[in-house]
Amino acid sequence: MPRSRPARPARRTGVLSLAAAGAIALALSGCTGAPGPTPTPSASTDTAEPIFASDEEALAAAEASYVRYLEVVDKLTQDGGSDPDRVRDVATPAYAVELLDSLQRLRESGNHTVGATRYEDMRLIERGESDGSAKVSVYLCLDVSDIRVVNAGGSDVTPADRAARAPIQAQFESSANNSAELLPSGSESWSGDDFC
């Protein structure tokens, strides 16, 4: 069900050390990029029992998924991108491929992060169910004020112009094993009014 949203379309995060990872995008650089698609609600064609009985239930599943995702992504970047396949447990397969590519670039840079990513004010944009799987889209304020980027020599190389908090739009899809378990499937910075 659609919810009210800011008036401007989302933009794809572009020049990011961990391109699609939202949290690390802010941690390692600024948020810019080309326009991306705006999600559209998908009407349920199933006559089966709904996956989520309410907007609140869908939002709770997205929040639980995002907490797990941020914990793993933070750990991966703190480790300098080593053992990157861990991201496959907390993201859709297609999104994991994007993240793996960015983690490879982080590994090659010799940098790592310290600190933890936080978010607040997650709000449902829309949700849809079809063929036994769900898609959910949310807005949230991502906070990387605690994240620092450190090079191999131990020096803080966090970009001085990095935004500490930013509005983003994140998408989730049902996991292949459990339709009620959501996994992040993408993330864009929000170019409209800053709702953080």
Protein backbone atom coordinates (compact mmCIF):
# COMPACT_ATOMS: atom_id res chain seq x y z
CA MET A 1 0.00 0.00 0.00
CA PRO A 2 1.43 3.35 -0.93
CA ARG A 3 2.21 5.83 1.80
CA SER A 4 2.81 9.55 1.41
CA ARG A 5 6.35 10.31 0.37
CA PRO A 6 8.55 13.29 -0.38
CA ALA A 7 7.75 14.98 -3.69
CA ARG A 8 10.94 14.32 -5.66
CA PRO A 9 12.20 11.00 -7.12
CA ALA A 10 15.06 9.02 -5.62
CA ARG A 11 18.53 9.11 -7.17
CA ARG A 12 20.90 6.19 -7.53
CA THR A 13 24.00 6.42 -5.40
CA GLY A 14 26.88 6.63 -7.81
CA VAL A 15 30.40 7.60 -6.80
CA LEU A 16 30.56 5.43 -3.71
CA SER A 17 33.26 3.18 -2.41
CA LEU A 18 30.60 0.64 -1.51
CA ALA A 19 28.12 1.69 -4.18
CA ALA A 20 24.85 0.09 -3.21
CA ALA A 21 25.47 -0.32 0.49
CA GLY A 22 23.86 2.90 1.67
CA ALA A 23 25.62 2.79 5.01
CA ILE A 24 29.07 2.45 3.55
CA ALA A 25 28.28 4.80 0.70
CA LEU A 26 27.97 7.58 3.21
CA ALA A 27 30.84 6.32 5.32
CA LEU A 28 33.38 6.34 2.53
CA SER A 29 32.29 9.25 0.33
CA GLY A 30 29.51 11.62 -0.67
CA CYS A 31 26.20 10.66 -2.26
CA THR A 32 25.69 11.64 -5.88
CA GLY A 33 24.56 9.90 -9.01
CA ALA A 34 22.19 9.51 -11.91
CA PRO A 35 18.44 9.16 -11.52
CA GLY A 36 17.24 5.67 -10.75
CA PRO A 37 13.87 4.02 -11.11
CA THR A 38 11.14 4.83 -8.65
CA PRO A 39 9.48 1.66 -7.35
CA THR A 40 5.90 1.04 -8.26
CA PRO A 41 3.42 -0.87 -6.15
CA SER A 42 2.78 -4.40 -7.27
CA ALA A 43 -0.72 -5.66 -6.89
CA SER A 44 -1.15 -9.07 -5.37
CA THR A 45 -2.42 -11.68 -7.78
CA ASP A 46 -2.36 -14.44 -5.18
CA THR A 47 -5.50 -15.75 -3.56
CA ALA A 48 -3.36 -17.30 -0.83
CA GLU A 49 -2.94 -15.90 2.65
CA PRO A 50 -0.95 -12.62 2.57
CA ILE A 51 2.70 -12.76 3.60
CA PHE A 52 2.32 -9.65 5.75
CA ALA A 53 -1.02 -8.99 7.39
CA SER A 54 -0.41 -5.25 7.72
CA ASP A 55 1.88 -2.36 6.82
CA GLU A 56 3.26 -2.52 10.36
CA GLU A 57 4.20 -6.18 9.97
CA ALA A 58 5.96 -5.51 6.65
CA LEU A 59 7.82 -2.55 8.15
CA ALA A 60 8.90 -4.64 11.16
CA ALA A 61 10.31 -7.30 8.81
CA ALA A 62 12.20 -4.61 6.85
CA GLU A 63 13.63 -3.14 10.07
CA ALA A 64 14.79 -6.53 11.35
CA SER A 65 16.44 -7.22 8.00
CA TYR A 66 18.13 -3.83 7.91
CA VAL A 67 19.57 -4.23 11.40
CA ARG A 68 21.18 -7.56 10.38
CA TYR A 69 22.40 -6.05 7.13
CA LEU A 70 24.06 -3.05 8.80
CA GLU A 71 25.78 -5.29 11.36
CA VAL A 72 27.29 -7.48 8.65
CA VAL A 73 28.26 -4.59 6.35
CA ASP A 74 29.88 -2.73 9.25
CA LYS A 75 31.84 -5.87 10.18
CA LEU A 76 32.91 -6.39 6.55
CA THR A 77 34.20 -2.84 6.18
CA GLN A 78 35.87 -2.93 9.60
CA ASP A 79 37.70 -6.02 8.32
CA GLY A 80 38.76 -4.10 5.19
CA GLY A 81 36.49 -6.15 2.95
CA SER A 82 37.99 -9.54 3.83
CA ASP A 83 35.76 -12.62 3.63
CA PRO A 84 33.20 -10.67 1.57
CA ASP A 85 30.91 -13.64 0.89
CA ARG A 86 29.30 -12.96 4.28
CA VAL A 87 27.23 -10.30 2.52
CA ARG A 88 25.36 -13.04 0.62
CA ASP A 89 23.55 -13.95 3.87
CA VAL A 90 22.01 -10.49 4.30
CA ALA A 91 21.24 -9.27 0.76
CA THR A 92 19.47 -10.54 -2.34
CA PRO A 93 21.77 -12.33 -4.80
CA ALA A 94 21.77 -9.43 -7.30
CA TYR A 95 22.44 -6.83 -4.60
CA ALA A 96 25.18 -9.02 -3.09
CA VAL A 97 27.02 -8.95 -6.45
CA GLU A 98 27.07 -5.12 -6.33
CA LEU A 99 28.28 -5.19 -2.76
CA LEU A 100 30.99 -7.76 -3.50
CA ASP A 101 32.37 -5.54 -6.26
CA SER A 102 32.51 -2.57 -3.89
CA LEU A 103 34.08 -4.66 -1.13
CA GLN A 104 36.77 -5.73 -3.60
CA ARG A 105 37.58 -2.06 -4.26
CA LEU A 106 37.71 -1.42 -0.50
CA ARG A 107 40.12 -4.36 -0.06
CA GLU A 108 42.33 -3.05 -2.87
CA SER A 109 42.44 0.41 -1.29
CA GLY A 110 43.85 -0.98 1.96
CA ASN A 111 41.32 1.08 3.92
CA HIS A 112 38.91 -0.08 6.59
CA THR A 113 36.30 1.52 8.81
CA VAL A 114 35.82 1.91 12.53
CA GLY A 115 32.52 2.64 14.24
CA ALA A 116 28.93 1.57 13.71
CA THR A 117 26.25 2.68 11.29
CA ARG A 118 22.85 3.65 12.64
CA TYR A 119 19.51 4.55 11.12
CA GLU A 120 16.32 6.13 12.37
CA ASP A 121 12.85 7.05 11.26
CA MET A 122 12.23 4.12 8.89
CA ARG A 123 8.92 4.74 7.10
CA LEU A 124 7.06 2.50 4.70
CA ILE A 125 6.68 3.80 1.16
CA GLU A 126 4.91 0.79 -0.33
CA ARG A 127 4.64 -2.94 -0.22
CA GLY A 128 3.41 -5.54 -2.63
CA GLU A 129 3.02 -9.28 -2.83
CA SER A 130 2.93 -11.51 -5.88
CA ASP A 131 3.55 -15.18 -6.57
CA GLY A 132 4.40 -15.93 -2.95
CA SER A 133 7.01 -13.22 -2.47
CA ALA A 134 6.96 -9.70 -1.09
CA LYS A 135 8.62 -6.41 -2.02
CA VAL A 136 8.87 -3.52 0.42
CA SER A 137 10.24 -0.02 -0.08
CA VAL A 138 11.09 2.36 2.78
CA TYR A 139 12.57 5.75 3.57
CA LEU A 140 15.05 6.10 6.41
CA CYS A 141 17.68 8.45 7.80
CA LEU A 142 21.09 6.83 7.64
CA ASP A 143 23.62 8.02 10.21
CA VAL A 144 27.33 7.34 9.66
CA SER A 145 28.57 10.03 12.04
CA ASP A 146 30.30 7.31 14.10
CA ILE A 147 32.06 5.77 11.06
CA ARG A 148 35.64 6.74 10.26
CA VAL A 149 37.66 5.54 7.27
CA VAL A 150 41.22 4.54 8.21
CA ASN A 151 44.08 3.72 5.84
CA ALA A 152 46.66 0.93 6.23
CA GLY A 153 48.96 3.29 8.14
CA GLY A 154 46.28 4.02 10.72
CA SER A 155 45.49 7.56 9.52
CA ASP A 156 41.92 8.83 9.36
CA VAL A 157 41.13 9.43 5.67
CA THR A 158 37.40 10.04 6.04
CA PRO A 159 36.36 12.56 3.37
CA ALA A 160 35.93 15.96 5.03
CA ASP A 161 32.81 16.71 3.01
CA ARG A 162 31.06 13.42 3.77
CA ALA A 163 27.49 13.81 4.98
CA ALA A 164 27.06 12.37 8.48
CA ARG A 165 23.32 11.78 8.00
CA ALA A 166 21.39 11.35 4.81
CA PRO A 167 17.91 10.39 3.65
CA ILE A 168 17.80 7.20 1.63
CA GLN A 169 15.26 4.93 0.01
CA ALA A 170 15.84 1.21 0.49
CA GLN A 171 14.18 -1.78 -1.14
CA PHE A 172 13.65 -5.28 0.23
CA GLU A 173 12.50 -8.57 -1.27
CA SER A 174 11.53 -11.92 0.18
CA SER A 175 14.39 -14.35 0.63
CA ALA A 176 14.34 -17.48 -1.49
CA ASN A 177 13.90 -19.68 1.60
CA ASN A 178 11.24 -17.76 3.51
CA SER A 179 8.79 -15.31 1.94
CA ALA A 180 8.27 -13.53 5.29
CA GLU A 181 12.03 -12.89 5.68
CA LEU A 182 13.05 -9.77 3.77
CA LEU A 183 16.51 -9.06 2.37
CA PRO A 184 17.80 -5.68 1.17
CA SER A 185 17.72 -5.52 -2.62
CA GLY A 186 18.90 -1.95 -3.26
CA SER A 187 19.43 1.52 -1.86
CA GLU A 188 19.39 5.03 -3.29
CA SER A 189 20.12 8.43 -1.82
CA TRP A 190 17.08 10.71 -1.72
CA SER A 191 17.56 13.93 -3.66
CA GLY A 192 14.37 15.65 -2.54
CA ASP A 193 13.85 17.56 0.68
CA ASP A 194 16.08 16.26 3.45
CA PHE A 195 13.69 14.56 5.88
CA CYS A 196 16.47 13.67 8.30
